[in-house]
Amino acid sequence: MKKLFVVLAIFAYIGISTNVVANSGPKDVQFVAKNGTVTYQHTQHTQYGAECGSCHHQGVLSGTCRRCHNGNDAPLFKEVAHKICKDCHKKNSGPTDCRGCHVK
């Protein structure tokens, strides 16, 4: 009985560990923009304490804004990203000028 418990505990640990790693997202995400590419350091931001819902307001798998919002009613990603990023950066001493995030 003890062996069975140990084996089940090991499988549970492996399953939970795999799930956490799989759901931590990509290391970096790049957003190409006219004034330079923004490389969002996903892993680094989550280590700082950024919560998934800060950016993915309808959940990680919700997709683009247009998936839920109807066509032209969808907010522009640029506006949403600037608001979310700049507000957070102001609170947490991150860069708020264009060249702090946009790299040509």
N, C-alpha and C. Protein backbone atom coordinates (compact mmCIF):
# COMPACT_ATOMS: atom_id res chain seq x y z
N MET A 1 0.82 -1.20 0.00
CA MET A 1 0.00 0.00 0.00
C MET A 1 0.87 1.26 0.00
N LYS A 2 1.96 1.24 0.78
CA LYS A 2 2.85 2.40 0.81
C LYS A 2 3.50 2.65 -0.55
N LYS A 3 3.87 1.56 -1.23
CA LYS A 3 4.48 1.71 -2.54
C LYS A 3 3.51 2.36 -3.53
N LEU A 4 2.26 1.93 -3.47
CA LEU A 4 1.24 2.50 -4.35
C LEU A 4 1.09 3.99 -4.07
N PHE A 5 1.07 4.36 -2.80
CA PHE A 5 0.94 5.77 -2.43
C PHE A 5 2.14 6.58 -2.96
N VAL A 6 3.34 6.05 -2.81
CA VAL A 6 4.54 6.73 -3.28
C VAL A 6 4.50 6.90 -4.80
N VAL A 7 4.12 5.85 -5.51
CA VAL A 7 4.03 5.92 -6.97
C VAL A 7 2.99 6.96 -7.39
N LEU A 8 1.83 6.94 -6.75
CA LEU A 8 0.80 7.93 -7.07
C LEU A 8 1.27 9.35 -6.76
N ALA A 9 1.99 9.53 -5.66
CA ALA A 9 2.51 10.84 -5.30
C ALA A 9 3.51 11.33 -6.34
N ILE A 10 4.35 10.44 -6.82
CA ILE A 10 5.34 10.80 -7.84
C ILE A 10 4.64 11.23 -9.12
N PHE A 11 3.64 10.46 -9.56
CA PHE A 11 2.90 10.82 -10.77
C PHE A 11 2.18 12.15 -10.60
N ALA A 12 1.62 12.39 -9.44
CA ALA A 12 0.94 13.66 -9.18
C ALA A 12 1.93 14.81 -9.26
N TYR A 13 3.10 14.64 -8.66
CA TYR A 13 4.13 15.68 -8.70
C TYR A 13 4.56 15.97 -10.13
N ILE A 14 4.80 14.93 -10.91
CA ILE A 14 5.20 15.10 -12.30
C ILE A 14 4.10 15.80 -13.09
N GLY A 15 2.86 15.40 -12.88
CA GLY A 15 1.73 16.01 -13.58
C GLY A 15 1.58 17.48 -13.24
N ILE A 16 1.68 17.82 -11.97
CA ILE A 16 1.55 19.21 -11.55
C ILE A 16 2.71 20.04 -12.09
N SER A 17 3.93 19.51 -12.00
CA SER A 17 5.11 20.23 -12.49
C SER A 17 5.01 20.49 -13.98
N THR A 18 4.60 19.48 -14.73
CA THR A 18 4.45 19.62 -16.18
C THR A 18 3.41 20.66 -16.51
N ASN A 19 2.30 20.66 -15.79
CA ASN A 19 1.23 21.62 -16.02
C ASN A 19 1.69 23.05 -15.74
N VAL A 20 2.44 23.25 -14.68
CA VAL A 20 2.94 24.59 -14.34
C VAL A 20 3.88 25.08 -15.43
N VAL A 21 4.80 24.23 -15.88
CA VAL A 21 5.74 24.62 -16.92
C VAL A 21 5.00 24.90 -18.22
N ALA A 22 4.05 24.05 -18.57
CA ALA A 22 3.31 24.22 -19.83
C ALA A 22 2.47 25.49 -19.83
N ASN A 23 1.98 25.91 -18.67
CA ASN A 23 1.11 27.07 -18.60
C ASN A 23 1.84 28.36 -18.27
N SER A 24 3.17 28.33 -18.22
CA SER A 24 3.89 29.55 -17.89
C SER A 24 4.08 30.44 -19.12
N GLY A 25 3.70 29.97 -20.28
CA GLY A 25 3.77 30.78 -21.49
C GLY A 25 5.15 30.79 -22.11
N PRO A 26 5.29 31.49 -23.21
CA PRO A 26 6.58 31.56 -23.89
C PRO A 26 7.56 32.42 -23.10
N LYS A 27 8.84 32.24 -23.37
CA LYS A 27 9.86 33.04 -22.69
C LYS A 27 9.71 34.51 -23.07
N ASP A 28 9.63 34.77 -24.38
CA ASP A 28 9.49 36.13 -24.90
C ASP A 28 8.38 36.17 -25.95
N VAL A 29 7.75 37.33 -26.07
CA VAL A 29 6.75 37.56 -27.11
C VAL A 29 7.14 38.84 -27.82
N GLN A 30 7.17 38.81 -29.14
CA GLN A 30 7.55 40.01 -29.89
C GLN A 30 6.34 40.61 -30.60
N PHE A 31 6.24 41.94 -30.48
CA PHE A 31 5.19 42.69 -31.15
C PHE A 31 5.88 43.65 -32.13
N VAL A 32 5.65 43.45 -33.41
CA VAL A 32 6.27 44.29 -34.43
C VAL A 32 5.43 45.56 -34.58
N ALA A 33 6.10 46.70 -34.49
CA ALA A 33 5.43 48.00 -34.61
C ALA A 33 6.24 48.91 -35.52
N LYS A 34 5.58 49.94 -36.04
CA LYS A 34 6.25 50.87 -36.95
C LYS A 34 7.49 51.51 -36.32
N ASN A 35 7.40 51.87 -35.07
CA ASN A 35 8.52 52.56 -34.44
C ASN A 35 9.46 51.63 -33.68
N GLY A 36 9.43 50.34 -34.00
CA GLY A 36 10.36 49.38 -33.42
C GLY A 36 9.65 48.22 -32.75
N THR A 37 10.29 47.09 -32.77
CA THR A 37 9.72 45.87 -32.19
C THR A 37 9.80 45.91 -30.67
N VAL A 38 8.71 45.51 -30.04
CA VAL A 38 8.66 45.40 -28.59
C VAL A 38 8.82 43.92 -28.25
N THR A 39 9.84 43.62 -27.46
CA THR A 39 10.03 42.25 -26.98
C THR A 39 9.54 42.21 -25.55
N TYR A 40 8.41 41.56 -25.35
CA TYR A 40 7.84 41.42 -24.01
C TYR A 40 8.46 40.18 -23.39
N GLN A 41 9.21 40.39 -22.34
CA GLN A 41 9.88 39.29 -21.65
C GLN A 41 8.88 38.63 -20.71
N HIS A 42 8.13 37.69 -21.27
CA HIS A 42 7.03 37.05 -20.58
C HIS A 42 7.48 36.40 -19.27
N THR A 43 8.52 35.59 -19.33
CA THR A 43 9.00 34.89 -18.13
C THR A 43 9.43 35.89 -17.07
N GLN A 44 10.17 36.90 -17.47
CA GLN A 44 10.66 37.90 -16.53
C GLN A 44 9.51 38.66 -15.87
N HIS A 45 8.50 39.03 -16.65
CA HIS A 45 7.37 39.76 -16.10
C HIS A 45 6.58 38.90 -15.11
N THR A 46 6.40 37.62 -15.42
CA THR A 46 5.67 36.77 -14.48
C THR A 46 6.49 36.55 -13.20
N GLN A 47 7.81 36.56 -13.31
CA GLN A 47 8.65 36.45 -12.11
C GLN A 47 8.52 37.71 -11.26
N TYR A 48 8.29 38.85 -11.89
CA TYR A 48 8.08 40.10 -11.16
C TYR A 48 6.72 40.13 -10.47
N GLY A 49 5.86 39.21 -10.82
CA GLY A 49 4.55 39.14 -10.19
C GLY A 49 3.39 39.52 -11.09
N ALA A 50 3.65 39.75 -12.38
CA ALA A 50 2.55 40.06 -13.31
C ALA A 50 1.61 38.86 -13.37
N GLU A 51 0.34 39.12 -13.26
CA GLU A 51 -0.67 38.06 -13.31
C GLU A 51 -1.19 37.93 -14.72
N CYS A 52 -1.58 36.73 -15.10
CA CYS A 52 -2.07 36.47 -16.46
C CYS A 52 -3.21 37.43 -16.84
N GLY A 53 -4.12 37.65 -15.91
CA GLY A 53 -5.28 38.50 -16.18
C GLY A 53 -4.94 39.95 -16.44
N SER A 54 -3.73 40.37 -16.12
CA SER A 54 -3.33 41.76 -16.40
C SER A 54 -3.34 42.03 -17.89
N CYS A 55 -2.94 41.06 -18.68
CA CYS A 55 -2.90 41.21 -20.14
C CYS A 55 -3.99 40.41 -20.83
N HIS A 56 -4.24 39.23 -20.32
CA HIS A 56 -5.24 38.33 -20.92
C HIS A 56 -6.53 38.46 -20.12
N HIS A 57 -7.27 39.53 -20.36
CA HIS A 57 -8.40 39.83 -19.47
C HIS A 57 -9.53 38.81 -19.54
N GLN A 58 -9.61 38.02 -20.58
CA GLN A 58 -10.63 36.98 -20.65
C GLN A 58 -10.00 35.58 -20.57
N GLY A 59 -8.79 35.51 -20.08
CA GLY A 59 -8.10 34.23 -19.95
C GLY A 59 -7.04 34.07 -21.02
N VAL A 60 -6.06 33.26 -20.72
CA VAL A 60 -4.90 33.08 -21.58
C VAL A 60 -5.29 32.59 -22.97
N LEU A 61 -6.29 31.76 -23.07
CA LEU A 61 -6.67 31.18 -24.35
C LEU A 61 -7.76 31.97 -25.06
N SER A 62 -8.01 33.20 -24.62
CA SER A 62 -9.11 33.97 -25.20
C SER A 62 -8.82 34.45 -26.61
N GLY A 63 -7.55 34.52 -26.99
CA GLY A 63 -7.21 34.96 -28.35
C GLY A 63 -7.16 36.47 -28.47
N THR A 64 -7.34 36.96 -29.68
CA THR A 64 -7.24 38.40 -29.93
C THR A 64 -8.49 39.13 -29.45
N CYS A 65 -8.39 40.44 -29.39
CA CYS A 65 -9.53 41.28 -28.98
C CYS A 65 -10.73 41.04 -29.88
N ARG A 66 -10.46 40.89 -31.18
CA ARG A 66 -11.54 40.73 -32.17
C ARG A 66 -12.28 39.41 -32.02
N ARG A 67 -11.71 38.48 -31.31
CA ARG A 67 -12.40 37.20 -31.13
C ARG A 67 -13.69 37.39 -30.33
N CYS A 68 -13.65 38.27 -29.35
CA CYS A 68 -14.85 38.52 -28.54
C CYS A 68 -15.56 39.81 -28.95
N HIS A 69 -14.77 40.83 -29.25
CA HIS A 69 -15.35 42.12 -29.65
C HIS A 69 -15.68 42.05 -31.14
N ASN A 70 -16.74 42.68 -31.54
CA ASN A 70 -17.23 42.60 -32.91
C ASN A 70 -16.45 43.52 -33.85
N GLY A 71 -15.62 42.92 -34.71
CA GLY A 71 -14.93 43.65 -35.77
C GLY A 71 -14.39 45.01 -35.41
N ASN A 72 -15.01 46.07 -35.93
CA ASN A 72 -14.52 47.43 -35.71
C ASN A 72 -14.71 47.91 -34.28
N ASP A 73 -15.53 47.21 -33.50
CA ASP A 73 -15.74 47.59 -32.11
C ASP A 73 -14.57 47.17 -31.22
N ALA A 74 -13.70 46.32 -31.75
CA ALA A 74 -12.56 45.84 -30.96
C ALA A 74 -11.59 47.00 -30.70
N PRO A 75 -11.08 47.07 -29.49
CA PRO A 75 -10.09 48.12 -29.22
C PRO A 75 -8.81 47.85 -30.01
N LEU A 76 -8.11 48.90 -30.36
CA LEU A 76 -6.83 48.74 -31.04
C LEU A 76 -5.81 48.18 -30.06
N PHE A 77 -5.08 47.16 -30.50
CA PHE A 77 -4.08 46.54 -29.62
C PHE A 77 -3.08 47.57 -29.12
N LYS A 78 -2.68 48.48 -30.00
CA LYS A 78 -1.71 49.51 -29.62
C LYS A 78 -2.21 50.31 -28.41
N GLU A 79 -3.46 50.71 -28.45
CA GLU A 79 -4.02 51.50 -27.34
C GLU A 79 -4.11 50.70 -26.06
N VAL A 80 -4.55 49.46 -26.19
CA VAL A 80 -4.68 48.60 -25.00
C VAL A 80 -3.31 48.32 -24.40
N ALA A 81 -2.35 47.95 -25.26
CA ALA A 81 -1.00 47.62 -24.77
C ALA A 81 -0.35 48.83 -24.11
N HIS A 82 -0.48 50.01 -24.75
CA HIS A 82 0.12 51.20 -24.15
C HIS A 82 -0.48 51.48 -22.78
N LYS A 83 -1.78 51.35 -22.65
CA LYS A 83 -2.42 51.61 -21.36
C LYS A 83 -1.96 50.60 -20.31
N ILE A 84 -2.06 49.33 -20.63
CA ILE A 84 -1.68 48.30 -19.66
C ILE A 84 -0.20 48.42 -19.29
N CYS A 85 0.65 48.49 -20.31
CA CYS A 85 2.10 48.50 -20.07
C CYS A 85 2.54 49.76 -19.34
N LYS A 86 2.11 50.91 -19.85
CA LYS A 86 2.56 52.17 -19.24
C LYS A 86 2.06 52.31 -17.81
N ASP A 87 0.80 51.95 -17.57
CA ASP A 87 0.27 52.05 -16.20
C ASP A 87 1.08 51.17 -15.25
N CYS A 88 1.38 49.96 -15.68
CA CYS A 88 2.16 49.05 -14.83
C CYS A 88 3.59 49.55 -14.67
N HIS A 89 4.18 50.03 -15.76
CA HIS A 89 5.55 50.52 -15.68
C HIS A 89 5.65 51.75 -14.77
N LYS A 90 4.64 52.62 -14.79
CA LYS A 90 4.65 53.79 -13.90
C LYS A 90 4.62 53.34 -12.44
N LYS A 91 3.82 52.34 -12.14
CA LYS A 91 3.71 51.83 -10.76
C LYS A 91 4.96 51.10 -10.31
N ASN A 92 5.66 50.46 -11.26
CA ASN A 92 6.76 49.58 -10.91
C ASN A 92 8.12 50.02 -11.48
N SER A 93 8.23 51.29 -11.81
CA SER A 93 9.50 51.88 -12.28
C SER A 93 10.04 51.25 -13.56
N GLY A 94 9.16 50.83 -14.45
CA GLY A 94 9.59 50.33 -15.75
C GLY A 94 9.70 51.48 -16.73
N PRO A 95 10.24 51.22 -17.92
CA PRO A 95 10.38 52.30 -18.90
C PRO A 95 9.01 52.78 -19.40
N THR A 96 8.88 54.10 -19.57
CA THR A 96 7.62 54.65 -20.06
C THR A 96 7.82 55.48 -21.33
N ASP A 97 9.06 55.68 -21.74
CA ASP A 97 9.29 56.39 -23.00
C ASP A 97 9.33 55.37 -24.13
N CYS A 98 9.12 55.85 -25.35
CA CYS A 98 9.00 54.95 -26.51
C CYS A 98 10.20 54.03 -26.66
N ARG A 99 11.40 54.60 -26.60
CA ARG A 99 12.61 53.80 -26.83
C ARG A 99 12.91 52.83 -25.70
N GLY A 100 12.21 52.94 -24.59
CA GLY A 100 12.40 52.00 -23.50
C GLY A 100 11.87 50.61 -23.84
N CYS A 101 10.91 50.57 -24.76
CA CYS A 101 10.30 49.28 -25.15
C CYS A 101 10.46 49.00 -26.65
N HIS A 102 10.30 50.05 -27.47
CA HIS A 102 10.39 49.89 -28.92
C HIS A 102 11.85 49.96 -29.36
N VAL A 103 12.33 48.88 -29.99
CA VAL A 103 13.71 48.82 -30.45
C VAL A 103 13.73 48.65 -31.96
N LYS A 104 14.46 49.54 -32.65
CA LYS A 104 14.57 49.45 -34.11
C LYS A 104 15.77 48.61 -34.49
